[in-house]
Amino acid sequence: MEEWQAMAENVARGTEEGWIEPFMDRVYPLGGAKAAHHDLINSKGAKGNITLDPDQ
């Protein structure tokens, strides 16, 4: 468990310091959750994160 904690802390530090950047595949408006889910289950593998943005 300590190994997982160390990895999580390293990823958090990398994100804060900017040397780890998540890849955002697609961003949908919050009302587009149904379309986002449809696209996700019909895709041929993960390319990055899919995000719902309440401000769109």
Protein backbone atom coordinates (compact mmCIF):
# COMPACT_ATOMS: atom_id res chain seq x y z
CA MET A 1 0.00 0.00 0.00
CA GLU A 2 2.88 2.38 0.70
CA GLU A 3 4.08 1.92 -2.89
CA TRP A 4 0.66 3.02 -4.23
CA GLN A 5 0.69 6.04 -1.92
CA ALA A 6 4.16 7.03 -3.14
CA MET A 7 3.06 6.70 -6.78
CA ALA A 8 -0.08 8.78 -6.15
CA GLU A 9 1.98 11.50 -4.47
CA ASN A 10 4.46 11.49 -7.37
CA VAL A 11 1.65 11.85 -9.94
CA ALA A 12 0.05 14.65 -7.93
CA ARG A 13 3.39 16.46 -7.70
CA GLY A 14 4.00 16.02 -11.43
CA THR A 15 0.60 17.45 -12.23
CA GLU A 16 1.13 20.43 -9.92
CA GLU A 17 4.62 21.10 -11.31
CA GLY A 18 3.48 20.65 -14.92
CA TRP A 19 5.66 17.73 -16.00
CA ILE A 20 2.63 15.44 -16.15
CA GLU A 21 -0.25 16.70 -18.29
CA PRO A 22 -3.45 14.68 -18.75
CA PHE A 23 -4.53 14.26 -22.36
CA MET A 24 -8.09 15.45 -22.91
CA ASP A 25 -9.57 13.57 -25.85
CA ARG A 26 -12.94 15.33 -25.84
CA VAL A 27 -14.85 17.87 -23.77
CA TYR A 28 -18.65 17.84 -23.73
CA PRO A 29 -21.07 20.28 -22.14
CA LEU A 30 -22.68 18.89 -19.00
CA GLY A 31 -25.93 18.41 -20.94
CA GLY A 32 -24.00 16.23 -23.40
CA ALA A 33 -23.47 13.37 -20.93
CA LYS A 34 -25.63 11.03 -23.01
CA ALA A 35 -23.61 11.78 -26.16
CA ALA A 36 -20.33 11.43 -24.23
CA HIS A 37 -21.40 8.02 -22.91
CA HIS A 38 -22.50 6.91 -26.38
CA ASP A 39 -19.19 7.99 -27.92
CA LEU A 40 -17.23 6.29 -25.14
CA ILE A 41 -18.91 2.91 -25.43
CA ASN A 42 -18.70 3.00 -29.24
CA SER A 43 -15.03 4.02 -29.44
CA LYS A 44 -12.26 1.61 -30.37
CA GLY A 45 -10.16 2.18 -27.28
CA ALA A 46 -9.16 4.96 -24.96
CA LYS A 47 -7.34 7.92 -26.44
CA GLY A 48 -7.54 10.21 -23.42
CA ASN A 49 -9.95 11.57 -20.87
CA ILE A 50 -13.51 12.55 -21.70
CA THR A 51 -14.68 15.50 -19.64
CA LEU A 52 -18.08 17.04 -18.92
CA ASP A 53 -17.77 20.82 -18.57
CA PRO A 54 -20.63 22.51 -16.69
CA ASP A 55 -19.55 25.92 -18.03
CA GLN A 56 -20.10 25.06 -21.70
